[in-house]
Amino acid sequence: MTQPSRPIGQSGSDALFQLFGRTKVVIGVVHLAPLPGAPRYDGEAVEAIYQRGFDDARSYLDGGCDGVIIENHGDIPFAKPDDIGPETAAYMAVVSDRIRRELGKPIGINVLANAAIPALAIASAAGAGFIRVNQWANAYVANEGFVEGESGRAARYRARLRANGIRVFADAHVKHGAHAIVGDRPVEELVKDLVFFDADAIIATGQRTGHAADLSYIRMIKEAAGLPTLVGSGVTPDNANDILGIVDGIIIASALKHDGVWWNKVDPARVKTFMAVLSR
């Protein structure tokens, strides 16, 4: 019998190094303005939406970030995966392709909420190297309601696309939700489930956008994962070096926006100042 290409439940070689050429990374988040079809979309020309996303990506990358995640964060309130229209994937694929082609750095895709299959479609079309999935295994109660892990469907869809090179960055105990519905399993066990279901990197977060998790909590996630681990919320110039002393990367947005507000544009001066004080 032919053996699997890698042992079940074990990720392959270091995803961060393969994607970014280094093992300590900084990834900026491009929060797209509301896209057509979203409740807050007001008829703005799509070229203006694309340009703002491109400008934010350039500000991150020119300031020294290693890559970006492109995210439909303007599409509040978020829908469940099966309720997200095909237009979301279409618009995100266009802007993502432009950013990758013109800026030449690794990009990732996150389709909110928890839409791993649209994210894989966009990543495949736009040449992205990874997707972020907020609930890859198990289930939780989120702002959108009951949300199930997408790993089974998404892994099969990725295989059908012949896109197994697209890495999965999976959140552990993700923000904006309540996990382990019956509460009988510790967080460490939920993290190990992500590894068992072939996530390539693990993301630790606080309780909400911009909220910093305790260092002891971050350390626990890292130790349980045994995989490249990043922190995906609450990173600031004051805590970034302490966080990077524990994990392998940070995903940052709010602290690098004008006035530190997530829906504002990226502030190039903040990016450069932040990267200048970073030790890695």
Protein backbone atom coordinates (compact mmCIF):
# COMPACT_ATOMS: atom_id res chain seq x y z
CA MET A 1 0.00 0.00 0.00
CA THR A 2 1.27 3.46 -0.88
CA GLN A 3 2.03 5.50 2.21
CA PRO A 4 0.74 9.08 2.58
CA SER A 5 3.17 11.79 1.52
CA ARG A 6 3.33 12.98 5.12
CA PRO A 7 2.17 11.39 8.38
CA ILE A 8 -1.45 12.11 9.25
CA GLY A 9 -1.73 15.02 11.64
CA GLN A 10 1.73 16.37 10.92
CA SER A 11 2.32 19.50 8.89
CA GLY A 12 5.04 19.58 6.28
CA SER A 13 8.14 21.75 6.42
CA ASP A 14 8.02 25.22 7.89
CA ALA A 15 5.27 27.11 6.06
CA LEU A 16 6.58 30.53 7.06
CA PHE A 17 10.04 29.90 5.67
CA GLN A 18 8.65 28.44 2.46
CA LEU A 19 6.36 31.41 1.93
CA PHE A 20 8.48 34.30 3.18
CA GLY A 21 12.05 33.05 3.20
CA ARG A 22 12.35 33.69 6.93
CA THR A 23 11.02 32.24 10.18
CA LYS A 24 10.01 35.49 11.94
CA VAL A 25 7.45 37.39 9.89
CA VAL A 26 5.25 40.48 9.99
CA ILE A 27 2.03 40.35 7.96
CA GLY A 28 -0.20 43.40 7.47
CA VAL A 29 -3.95 43.09 6.99
CA VAL A 30 -5.60 44.88 4.08
CA HIS A 31 -9.13 45.62 5.26
CA LEU A 32 -11.07 46.08 2.04
CA ALA A 33 -13.84 48.67 1.96
CA PRO A 34 -17.39 47.27 1.69
CA LEU A 35 -17.71 45.26 -1.51
CA PRO A 36 -20.72 45.19 -3.83
CA GLY A 37 -23.35 42.96 -2.30
CA ALA A 38 -22.42 43.86 1.30
CA PRO A 39 -24.84 45.82 3.53
CA ARG A 40 -22.53 48.83 3.87
CA TYR A 41 -21.67 49.10 0.18
CA ASP A 42 -22.88 52.53 -0.95
CA GLY A 43 -22.22 52.34 -4.67
CA GLU A 44 -18.56 53.37 -4.57
CA ALA A 45 -16.76 52.63 -7.83
CA VAL A 46 -14.97 49.28 -7.60
CA GLU A 47 -11.79 50.84 -8.97
CA ALA A 48 -11.72 53.11 -5.91
CA ILE A 49 -12.11 50.07 -3.65
CA TYR A 50 -9.30 48.30 -5.49
CA GLN A 51 -7.06 51.36 -5.27
CA ARG A 52 -7.53 51.78 -1.54
CA GLY A 53 -6.72 48.11 -0.98
CA PHE A 54 -3.66 48.42 -3.19
CA ASP A 55 -2.50 51.58 -1.42
CA ASP A 56 -2.81 49.93 2.00
CA ALA A 57 -0.85 46.90 0.78
CA ARG A 58 1.89 49.15 -0.62
CA SER A 59 2.12 51.05 2.68
CA TYR A 60 2.64 47.81 4.59
CA LEU A 61 5.17 46.37 2.17
CA ASP A 62 7.12 49.57 1.50
CA GLY A 63 7.36 49.96 5.27
CA GLY A 64 9.03 46.58 5.67
CA CYS A 65 6.25 44.02 6.26
CA ASP A 66 6.89 40.60 4.75
CA GLY A 67 3.45 40.10 3.23
CA VAL A 68 -0.23 40.94 3.54
CA ILE A 69 -3.56 39.25 4.13
CA ILE A 70 -6.43 40.60 2.03
CA GLU A 71 -9.71 40.52 3.92
CA ASN A 72 -13.32 41.62 3.30
CA HIS A 73 -13.52 43.31 6.68
CA GLY A 74 -15.79 46.04 5.34
CA ASP A 75 -18.56 43.52 4.68
CA ILE A 76 -20.05 43.89 8.17
CA PRO A 77 -22.25 42.21 9.36
CA PHE A 78 -20.55 39.07 8.14
CA ALA A 79 -22.48 36.18 6.64
CA LYS A 80 -21.97 32.46 7.12
CA PRO A 81 -19.95 30.74 4.38
CA ASP A 82 -22.90 29.36 2.42
CA ASP A 83 -24.59 32.77 2.40
CA ILE A 84 -21.67 34.64 0.82
CA GLY A 85 -22.36 35.51 -2.80
CA PRO A 86 -19.99 34.71 -5.67
CA GLU A 87 -19.48 38.45 -6.21
CA THR A 88 -17.37 38.62 -3.04
CA ALA A 89 -14.89 36.09 -4.39
CA ALA A 90 -14.85 37.80 -7.79
CA TYR A 91 -14.00 41.27 -6.45
CA MET A 92 -11.48 39.93 -3.96
CA ALA A 93 -9.72 37.89 -6.63
CA VAL A 94 -9.24 40.97 -8.81
CA VAL A 95 -7.73 43.17 -6.11
CA SER A 96 -5.63 40.30 -4.73
CA ASP A 97 -4.16 39.53 -8.14
CA ARG A 98 -3.27 43.20 -8.67
CA ILE A 99 -1.55 43.43 -5.30
CA ARG A 100 0.49 40.26 -5.84
CA ARG A 101 1.49 41.07 -9.41
CA GLU A 102 2.46 44.69 -8.82
CA LEU A 103 4.02 44.46 -5.35
CA GLY A 104 5.64 41.06 -5.69
CA LYS A 105 5.29 39.86 -2.09
CA PRO A 106 3.44 36.89 -0.59
CA ILE A 107 -0.28 37.40 -0.03
CA GLY A 108 -2.92 35.54 1.91
CA ILE A 109 -6.72 35.55 1.75
CA ASN A 110 -9.33 35.66 4.51
CA VAL A 111 -13.02 35.66 3.59
CA LEU A 112 -15.25 36.52 6.52
CA ALA A 113 -16.89 34.77 8.07
CA ASN A 114 -15.00 31.49 7.98
CA ALA A 115 -15.43 31.04 4.22
CA ALA A 116 -12.53 28.72 3.49
CA ILE A 117 -13.78 27.52 0.12
CA PRO A 118 -14.23 31.01 -1.39
CA ALA A 119 -10.83 31.90 0.10
CA LEU A 120 -9.24 28.93 -1.67
CA ALA A 121 -10.91 29.90 -4.95
CA ILE A 122 -9.56 33.45 -4.64
CA ALA A 123 -6.11 32.24 -3.61
CA SER A 124 -5.94 29.87 -6.56
CA ALA A 125 -7.07 32.54 -9.03
CA ALA A 126 -4.82 35.28 -7.64
CA GLY A 127 -1.70 33.26 -6.89
CA ALA A 128 -1.92 33.67 -3.11
CA GLY A 129 0.25 31.47 -0.96
CA PHE A 130 -2.05 30.93 2.00
CA ILE A 131 -5.50 31.41 3.43
CA ARG A 132 -6.59 32.26 6.95
CA VAL A 133 -9.47 30.25 8.39
CA ASN A 134 -10.95 31.29 11.72
CA GLN A 135 -12.51 27.89 12.51
CA TRP A 136 -10.70 25.06 10.74
CA ALA A 137 -11.75 22.27 13.12
CA ASN A 138 -14.58 21.80 15.63
CA ALA A 139 -17.29 24.46 15.97
CA TYR A 140 -18.12 27.61 17.86
CA VAL A 141 -20.81 30.18 18.47
CA ALA A 142 -19.80 33.45 16.82
CA ASN A 143 -21.40 36.79 16.00
CA GLU A 144 -22.84 35.07 12.91
CA GLY A 145 -24.35 32.19 14.92
CA PHE A 146 -23.26 28.55 14.97
CA VAL A 147 -20.14 28.12 12.83
CA GLU A 148 -18.70 24.72 11.95
CA GLY A 149 -15.12 23.86 11.09
CA GLU A 150 -14.43 23.95 7.35
CA SER A 151 -11.46 21.57 7.12
CA GLY A 152 -13.21 18.55 5.64
CA ARG A 153 -14.94 20.40 2.82
CA ALA A 154 -12.10 22.83 2.22
CA ALA A 155 -9.33 20.22 2.04
CA ARG A 156 -11.28 18.27 -0.55
CA TYR A 157 -12.01 21.41 -2.55
CA ARG A 158 -8.32 22.38 -2.48
CA ALA A 159 -7.44 18.92 -3.79
CA ARG A 160 -9.94 19.27 -6.64
CA LEU A 161 -8.33 22.58 -7.61
CA ARG A 162 -4.89 20.90 -7.59
CA ALA A 163 -3.96 23.68 -5.19
CA ASN A 164 -2.44 21.76 -2.28
CA GLY A 165 0.44 24.24 -2.21
CA ILE A 166 -1.92 26.86 -0.70
CA ARG A 167 -1.17 26.81 3.02
CA VAL A 168 -3.77 27.02 5.77
CA PHE A 169 -3.24 29.43 8.66
CA ALA A 170 -5.81 28.36 11.25
CA ASP A 171 -6.97 30.36 14.25
CA ALA A 172 -6.98 28.68 17.65
CA HIS A 173 -9.81 29.72 19.97
CA VAL A 174 -10.48 32.62 17.62
CA LYS A 175 -11.73 36.04 18.73
CA HIS A 176 -15.41 37.02 18.56
CA GLY A 177 -16.64 33.57 19.57
CA ALA A 178 -17.32 30.95 22.22
CA HIS A 179 -15.68 27.60 21.63
CA ALA A 180 -15.91 23.94 22.61
CA ILE A 181 -19.68 24.19 22.91
CA VAL A 182 -19.96 21.75 25.81
CA GLY A 183 -16.81 23.13 27.46
CA ASP A 184 -15.24 19.76 28.28
CA ARG A 185 -11.95 20.09 26.38
CA PRO A 186 -9.07 22.46 27.15
CA VAL A 187 -7.75 24.91 24.59
CA GLU A 188 -4.60 22.82 24.15
CA GLU A 189 -6.71 19.96 22.83
CA LEU A 190 -8.52 22.23 20.37
CA VAL A 191 -5.14 23.44 19.09
CA LYS A 192 -4.00 19.85 18.56
CA ASP A 193 -7.14 19.24 16.51
CA LEU A 194 -5.96 21.91 14.07
CA VAL A 195 -2.65 20.11 13.71
CA PHE A 196 -4.40 16.77 13.27
CA PHE A 197 -6.49 18.27 10.45
CA ASP A 198 -3.38 19.46 8.59
CA ALA A 199 -3.20 23.17 9.36
CA ASP A 200 0.18 24.61 8.39
CA ALA A 201 0.36 27.45 10.91
CA ILE A 202 -1.61 28.42 14.02
CA ILE A 203 -2.88 31.89 14.94
CA ALA A 204 -3.54 33.02 18.50
CA THR A 205 -5.84 35.99 19.12
CA GLY A 206 -7.42 38.00 21.90
CA GLN A 207 -11.16 38.32 22.46
CA ARG A 208 -11.90 40.82 19.70
CA THR A 209 -10.30 42.90 16.93
CA GLY A 210 -7.43 44.89 18.42
CA HIS A 211 -7.45 43.01 21.75
CA ALA A 212 -4.13 41.62 22.98
CA ALA A 213 -3.97 38.11 24.43
CA ASP A 214 -1.90 37.46 27.54
CA LEU A 215 1.66 36.28 26.90
CA SER A 216 1.04 33.15 28.99
CA TYR A 217 -1.95 32.29 26.78
CA ILE A 218 0.11 32.86 23.63
CA ARG A 219 2.88 30.64 24.99
CA MET A 220 0.38 27.88 25.72
CA ILE A 221 -0.93 27.99 22.13
CA LYS A 222 2.60 27.85 20.75
CA GLU A 223 3.61 24.91 22.91
CA ALA A 224 0.44 22.95 22.12
CA ALA A 225 0.73 23.56 18.37
CA GLY A 226 4.25 22.44 17.58
CA LEU A 227 3.82 24.40 14.34
CA PRO A 228 4.72 27.92 13.23
CA THR A 229 2.54 30.15 15.39
CA LEU A 230 1.49 33.76 14.91
CA VAL A 231 -0.44 36.29 16.95
CA GLY A 232 -3.36 37.80 15.05
CA SER A 233 -4.73 40.61 17.20
CA GLY A 234 -3.67 43.28 19.66
CA VAL A 235 -0.07 43.68 18.50
CA THR A 236 1.36 47.16 19.22
CA PRO A 237 4.83 48.74 19.23
CA ASP A 238 4.84 48.27 23.01
CA ASN A 239 4.25 44.51 23.04
CA ALA A 240 5.50 43.33 19.64
CA ASN A 241 8.99 42.31 20.70
CA ASP A 242 7.71 40.41 23.73
CA ILE A 243 5.27 38.56 21.48
CA LEU A 244 7.91 37.78 18.87
CA GLY A 245 10.06 36.38 21.63
CA ILE A 246 7.47 33.61 21.95
CA VAL A 247 5.95 33.07 18.50
CA ASP A 248 7.09 33.06 14.89
CA GLY A 249 5.10 35.93 13.45
CA ILE A 250 2.57 38.68 13.93
CA ILE A 251 -0.48 39.72 11.94
CA ILE A 252 -1.14 43.41 12.43
CA ALA A 253 -3.56 46.08 11.27
CA SER A 254 -5.16 48.42 13.81
CA ALA A 255 -1.93 49.71 15.34
CA LEU A 256 -0.64 50.69 11.88
CA LYS A 257 -3.76 52.58 10.78
CA HIS A 258 -4.26 56.34 11.08
CA ASP A 259 -5.22 57.08 14.71
CA GLY A 260 -4.94 53.35 15.46
CA VAL A 261 -8.46 52.67 14.16
CA TRP A 262 -8.94 49.53 12.07
CA TRP A 263 -11.27 51.04 9.44
CA ASN A 264 -8.90 53.91 8.63
CA LYS A 265 -6.23 53.76 5.96
CA VAL A 266 -2.79 52.40 6.74
CA ASP A 267 -0.41 55.10 7.98
CA PRO A 268 2.97 54.66 6.21
CA ALA A 269 4.78 56.53 9.00
CA ARG A 270 3.36 54.18 11.64
CA VAL A 271 4.46 51.16 9.63
CA LYS A 272 8.03 52.40 9.29
CA THR A 273 8.23 53.39 12.96
CA PHE A 274 6.87 50.01 14.02
CA MET A 275 9.28 48.02 11.86
CA ALA A 276 12.22 50.12 13.03
CA VAL A 277 11.75 49.11 16.68
CA LEU A 278 11.13 45.44 15.95
CA SER A 279 13.72 42.85 16.93
CA ARG A 280 13.74 39.70 14.80
